[in-house]
Amino acid sequence: MQMQGSTAVVTGGVSGLGEATVRKVVADGGNAVIFDLQEEKGASLAADLGEPVRFVKTDVTSEDSVQAAVNEAIEAFGRIDVVVNCAGISAADKTVSGKGPHDLGSFANVIQVNLIGTFNVIRLAAEKMAENDANEEGERGVIVNTASVAAYEGQIGQAAYSASKGGIVGMTLPIARDLSKHGIRVMTIAPGLFDTPLFAELPEKARTALGDMTPFPQRLGHVKEYAQLAGNIIENPMLNGDVIRLDGAIRMQPK
């Protein structure tokens, strides 16, 4: 799938990994539709990048919201060729702590946004992708999801986050198999420690210490490196049904 002339939906596209992906799509000659709740930032990014970009305020956990956003993307550009799911939240709570048991609502909310929200976007966008004319490889679409190394080495307090990302890893292959007859590929990226807005709030000493945990390169990942890999996945038709760790060989410790 060539990005030139294609249309990509990017969830969580107003900052961090998502914003870098939107910028990569536009730089490669594609159109981008940002699904996000942050209206002011989304409008600003769309204005900055111009005509190839649309922002649609979207709640990925809502069937009605995502369906309306998918329809708006089709109305704007005629088709959806690519989906990159970057929308997600985190929570840090131990299963049992001095405050008592892990709050069930907090756990459910992380699963709802990260896992169910990802699947919600996949299923509704894939329905439209299946209607696309196939290219010379028989492709009609590409879906790239975002997991985390926490899916494999969840730290203390990451039960909810790790479960949500582990779910994304676990559904990658079956969804790829489901959608294969439609010519739609599905891949997942599992990033390590990346220099996103979450880490930008930390003191420089803490940021350096986190970067030093990565064997090589010994630093936090750059968001453009995530976007670069997403671009590679989109362009390589043999990448399907698997998860790629993008982590500099880090293996997270308990804390």
Protein backbone atom coordinates (compact mmCIF):
# COMPACT_ATOMS: atom_id res chain seq x y z
CA MET A 1 0.00 0.00 0.00
CA GLN A 2 1.53 3.31 -1.08
CA MET A 3 0.76 6.30 1.13
CA GLN A 4 0.79 8.66 -1.85
CA GLY A 5 -2.85 9.45 -2.57
CA SER A 6 -4.18 7.19 0.20
CA THR A 7 -6.29 8.24 3.18
CA ALA A 8 -5.33 7.30 6.73
CA VAL A 9 -7.42 7.52 9.89
CA VAL A 10 -5.23 8.14 12.94
CA THR A 11 -6.81 7.83 16.38
CA GLY A 12 -5.22 9.82 19.18
CA GLY A 13 -3.68 11.87 16.40
CA VAL A 14 -3.29 15.25 18.08
CA SER A 15 -0.10 14.49 20.02
CA GLY A 16 2.73 12.02 20.60
CA LEU A 17 2.82 8.90 18.46
CA GLY A 18 -0.42 9.83 16.72
CA GLU A 19 0.66 13.33 15.75
CA ALA A 20 3.97 12.01 14.40
CA THR A 21 2.01 9.51 12.31
CA VAL A 22 -0.29 12.22 10.93
CA ARG A 23 2.74 14.28 9.92
CA LYS A 24 4.34 11.22 8.30
CA VAL A 25 1.17 10.50 6.30
CA VAL A 26 1.06 14.05 4.96
CA ALA A 27 4.81 14.10 4.21
CA ASP A 28 4.37 10.90 2.18
CA GLY A 29 1.59 12.42 0.09
CA GLY A 30 -1.43 11.00 1.86
CA ASN A 31 -4.56 12.43 3.47
CA ALA A 32 -5.08 12.12 7.22
CA VAL A 33 -8.25 12.13 9.29
CA ILE A 34 -7.62 12.64 13.00
CA PHE A 35 -10.00 10.93 15.44
CA ASP A 36 -9.49 12.50 18.87
CA LEU A 37 -11.38 14.18 21.71
CA GLN A 38 -9.01 17.16 22.06
CA GLU A 39 -10.86 19.60 19.85
CA GLU A 40 -8.61 22.65 20.19
CA LYS A 41 -5.38 20.74 19.52
CA GLY A 42 -6.98 18.83 16.66
CA ALA A 43 -8.22 21.96 14.93
CA SER A 44 -4.81 23.59 15.38
CA LEU A 45 -2.94 20.60 13.89
CA ALA A 46 -5.33 20.39 10.95
CA ALA A 47 -4.91 24.11 10.28
CA ASP A 48 -1.12 23.76 10.49
CA LEU A 49 -0.98 20.87 7.99
CA GLY A 50 -3.63 22.19 5.66
CA GLU A 51 -5.95 20.62 3.10
CA PRO A 52 -4.81 16.96 3.37
CA VAL A 53 -5.90 16.83 7.05
CA ARG A 54 -9.30 16.72 8.72
CA PHE A 55 -10.04 16.65 12.43
CA VAL A 56 -13.15 14.87 13.68
CA LYS A 57 -13.95 14.96 17.38
CA THR A 58 -14.35 11.28 18.18
CA ASP A 59 -14.89 9.09 21.23
CA VAL A 60 -13.36 5.75 20.22
CA THR A 61 -15.46 3.92 22.83
CA SER A 62 -18.73 5.07 21.26
CA GLU A 63 -20.22 3.18 18.31
CA ASP A 64 -22.22 6.21 17.19
CA SER A 65 -19.25 8.59 17.47
CA VAL A 66 -16.88 6.35 15.51
CA GLN A 67 -19.48 5.54 12.88
CA ALA A 68 -20.13 9.24 12.34
CA ALA A 69 -16.39 9.93 12.14
CA VAL A 70 -15.85 7.11 9.62
CA ASN A 71 -18.68 8.49 7.50
CA GLU A 72 -17.14 11.97 7.66
CA ALA A 73 -13.77 10.59 6.54
CA ILE A 74 -15.43 8.88 3.57
CA GLU A 75 -17.31 12.07 2.73
CA ALA A 76 -14.11 14.12 2.83
CA PHE A 77 -11.78 11.82 0.87
CA GLY A 78 -13.92 9.12 -0.72
CA ARG A 79 -12.34 6.13 1.03
CA ILE A 80 -10.28 4.91 3.99
CA ASP A 81 -7.12 2.98 3.08
CA VAL A 82 -5.23 2.94 6.39
CA VAL A 83 -6.06 3.04 10.11
CA VAL A 84 -3.42 3.68 12.75
CA ASN A 85 -4.79 3.26 16.28
CA CYS A 86 -2.83 5.38 18.76
CA ALA A 87 -5.61 6.48 21.15
CA GLY A 88 -5.04 5.23 24.68
CA ILE A 89 -4.90 6.02 28.38
CA SER A 90 -3.01 4.60 31.34
CA ALA A 91 -3.61 4.01 35.03
CA ALA A 92 -1.25 3.19 37.88
CA ASP A 93 -2.89 1.18 40.65
CA LYS A 94 -1.81 -1.93 42.51
CA THR A 95 -4.17 -4.88 42.74
CA VAL A 96 -4.23 -4.33 46.50
CA SER A 97 -2.69 -1.31 48.21
CA GLY A 98 -3.08 0.75 51.36
CA LYS A 99 -6.15 2.28 49.72
CA GLY A 100 -7.75 -1.16 49.33
CA PRO A 101 -8.39 -3.20 46.18
CA HIS A 102 -7.84 -1.80 42.70
CA ASP A 103 -10.77 0.38 41.70
CA LEU A 104 -12.87 -1.67 39.29
CA GLY A 105 -14.14 1.36 37.41
CA SER A 106 -10.59 2.50 36.70
CA PHE A 107 -9.63 -0.95 35.41
CA ALA A 108 -12.72 -1.13 33.20
CA ASN A 109 -12.12 2.37 31.81
CA VAL A 110 -8.60 1.51 30.63
CA ILE A 111 -9.89 -1.66 28.95
CA GLN A 112 -12.77 0.29 27.41
CA VAL A 113 -10.56 2.96 25.84
CA ASN A 114 -7.45 1.00 24.91
CA LEU A 115 -8.81 -2.39 23.91
CA ILE A 116 -12.49 -1.97 23.11
CA GLY A 117 -11.89 1.44 21.56
CA THR A 118 -9.24 -0.03 19.26
CA PHE A 119 -11.55 -2.84 18.19
CA ASN A 120 -14.46 -0.45 17.72
CA VAL A 121 -12.46 1.62 15.23
CA ILE A 122 -11.11 -1.48 13.47
CA ARG A 123 -14.50 -3.08 12.88
CA LEU A 124 -16.23 0.06 11.58
CA ALA A 125 -13.34 1.24 9.41
CA ALA A 126 -12.71 -2.26 8.03
CA GLU A 127 -16.30 -2.45 6.83
CA LYS A 128 -15.60 0.57 4.59
CA MET A 129 -12.15 -0.67 3.59
CA ALA A 130 -13.67 -3.90 2.31
CA GLU A 131 -15.55 -1.83 -0.29
CA ASN A 132 -12.34 -0.35 -1.76
CA ASP A 133 -11.03 -1.41 -5.15
CA ALA A 134 -8.03 -3.66 -4.59
CA ASN A 135 -4.56 -2.60 -5.70
CA GLU A 136 -2.20 -4.78 -7.76
CA GLU A 137 -1.33 -6.82 -4.62
CA GLY A 138 -5.02 -7.38 -3.86
CA GLU A 139 -4.84 -5.00 -0.90
CA ARG A 140 -7.82 -2.93 0.16
CA GLY A 141 -6.52 -1.62 3.47
CA VAL A 142 -3.95 -1.72 6.25
CA ILE A 143 -4.58 -1.46 10.00
CA VAL A 144 -1.77 -0.68 12.46
CA ASN A 145 -2.51 -0.94 16.19
CA THR A 146 -0.49 0.26 19.16
CA ALA A 147 0.26 -2.10 22.04
CA SER A 148 3.22 -1.69 24.42
CA VAL A 149 6.09 -3.67 25.87
CA ALA A 150 3.85 -3.65 28.97
CA ALA A 151 1.83 -6.33 27.19
CA TYR A 152 4.79 -8.63 27.91
CA GLU A 153 6.56 -7.12 30.94
CA GLY A 154 3.94 -5.19 32.86
CA GLN A 155 5.32 -3.36 35.87
CA ILE A 156 3.92 -3.05 39.36
CA GLY A 157 0.71 -1.03 39.16
CA GLN A 158 0.15 -1.75 35.46
CA ALA A 159 -2.44 -4.53 35.66
CA ALA A 160 -5.09 -2.56 33.76
CA TYR A 161 -2.72 -1.07 31.18
CA SER A 162 -0.94 -4.38 30.56
CA ALA A 163 -4.23 -6.23 30.22
CA SER A 164 -5.47 -3.72 27.66
CA LYS A 165 -2.29 -3.86 25.61
CA GLY A 166 -2.05 -7.63 25.93
CA GLY A 167 -5.55 -7.79 24.49
CA ILE A 168 -4.43 -5.78 21.47
CA VAL A 169 -1.53 -8.19 20.95
CA GLY A 170 -3.86 -11.17 21.33
CA MET A 171 -6.43 -9.99 18.79
CA THR A 172 -3.91 -9.04 16.08
CA LEU A 173 -3.65 -12.47 14.43
CA PRO A 174 -7.34 -13.46 14.56
CA ILE A 175 -8.42 -10.10 13.11
CA ALA A 176 -5.77 -10.41 10.39
CA ARG A 177 -7.19 -13.84 9.57
CA ASP A 178 -10.76 -12.51 9.65
CA LEU A 179 -9.95 -9.68 7.25
CA SER A 180 -7.61 -11.57 4.91
CA LYS A 181 -10.41 -12.43 2.49
CA HIS A 182 -11.04 -8.70 2.10
CA GLY A 183 -7.38 -7.92 1.38
CA ILE A 184 -6.92 -6.02 4.64
CA ARG A 185 -3.70 -6.46 6.60
CA VAL A 186 -3.45 -6.03 10.40
CA MET A 187 -0.26 -5.38 12.36
CA THR A 188 0.59 -4.13 15.84
CA ILE A 189 3.53 -2.07 17.11
CA ALA A 190 4.61 -2.54 20.74
CA PRO A 191 6.66 0.54 21.66
CA GLY A 192 9.08 0.72 24.56
CA LEU A 193 9.78 4.01 26.33
CA PHE A 194 9.03 6.89 23.97
CA ASP A 195 9.39 10.64 24.35
CA THR A 196 5.68 11.43 24.36
CA PRO A 197 3.88 14.27 26.20
CA LEU A 198 3.53 11.96 29.21
CA PHE A 199 7.31 11.81 29.59
CA ALA A 200 7.73 15.50 28.73
CA GLU A 201 6.14 16.35 32.08
CA LEU A 202 8.94 14.60 33.97
CA PRO A 203 12.11 16.35 35.19
CA GLU A 204 15.08 16.01 32.84
CA LYS A 205 16.92 13.80 35.36
CA ALA A 206 14.01 11.35 35.41
CA ARG A 207 13.77 11.37 31.60
CA THR A 208 17.47 10.59 31.32
CA ALA A 209 17.19 7.78 33.85
CA LEU A 210 14.33 6.22 31.89
CA GLY A 211 16.27 6.51 28.65
CA ASP A 212 19.27 4.83 30.26
CA MET A 213 17.13 1.72 30.85
CA THR A 214 17.15 1.04 27.11
CA PRO A 215 20.19 -1.03 26.06
CA PHE A 216 20.65 0.68 22.68
CA PRO A 217 20.10 3.36 21.65
CA GLN A 218 20.32 4.47 25.26
CA ARG A 219 17.56 7.07 25.18
CA LEU A 220 13.82 7.46 24.93
CA GLY A 221 12.41 6.62 21.53
CA HIS A 222 11.55 9.45 19.17
CA VAL A 223 7.92 9.60 18.04
CA LYS A 224 9.06 9.92 14.43
CA GLU A 225 10.60 6.43 14.78
CA TYR A 226 7.17 5.02 15.57
CA ALA A 227 5.73 6.86 12.56
CA GLN A 228 8.55 5.54 10.39
CA LEU A 229 7.74 1.95 11.36
CA ALA A 230 4.04 2.53 10.77
CA GLY A 231 4.97 3.76 7.29
CA ASN A 232 7.12 0.69 6.67
CA ILE A 233 4.24 -1.59 7.67
CA ILE A 234 1.83 0.23 5.38
CA GLU A 235 4.19 -0.13 2.42
CA ASN A 236 5.28 -3.77 2.92
CA PRO A 237 2.54 -6.21 1.81
CA MET A 238 4.09 -9.23 3.57
CA LEU A 239 3.76 -7.69 7.02
CA ASN A 240 0.55 -9.12 8.40
CA GLY A 241 -0.85 -10.68 11.57
CA ASP A 242 2.10 -9.99 13.85
CA VAL A 243 3.49 -7.67 16.52
CA ILE A 244 6.75 -5.72 16.18
CA ARG A 245 8.50 -4.55 19.33
CA LEU A 246 10.00 -1.10 18.87
CA ASP A 247 11.96 -0.87 22.09
CA GLY A 248 15.77 -0.74 21.71
CA ALA A 249 15.95 -4.22 23.34
CA ILE A 250 14.47 -3.05 26.65
CA ARG A 251 12.91 -5.63 28.95
CA MET A 252 11.02 -3.86 31.70
CA GLN A 253 11.77 -4.67 35.35
CA PRO A 254 9.02 -4.93 38.01
CA LYS A 255 9.45 -1.23 38.86
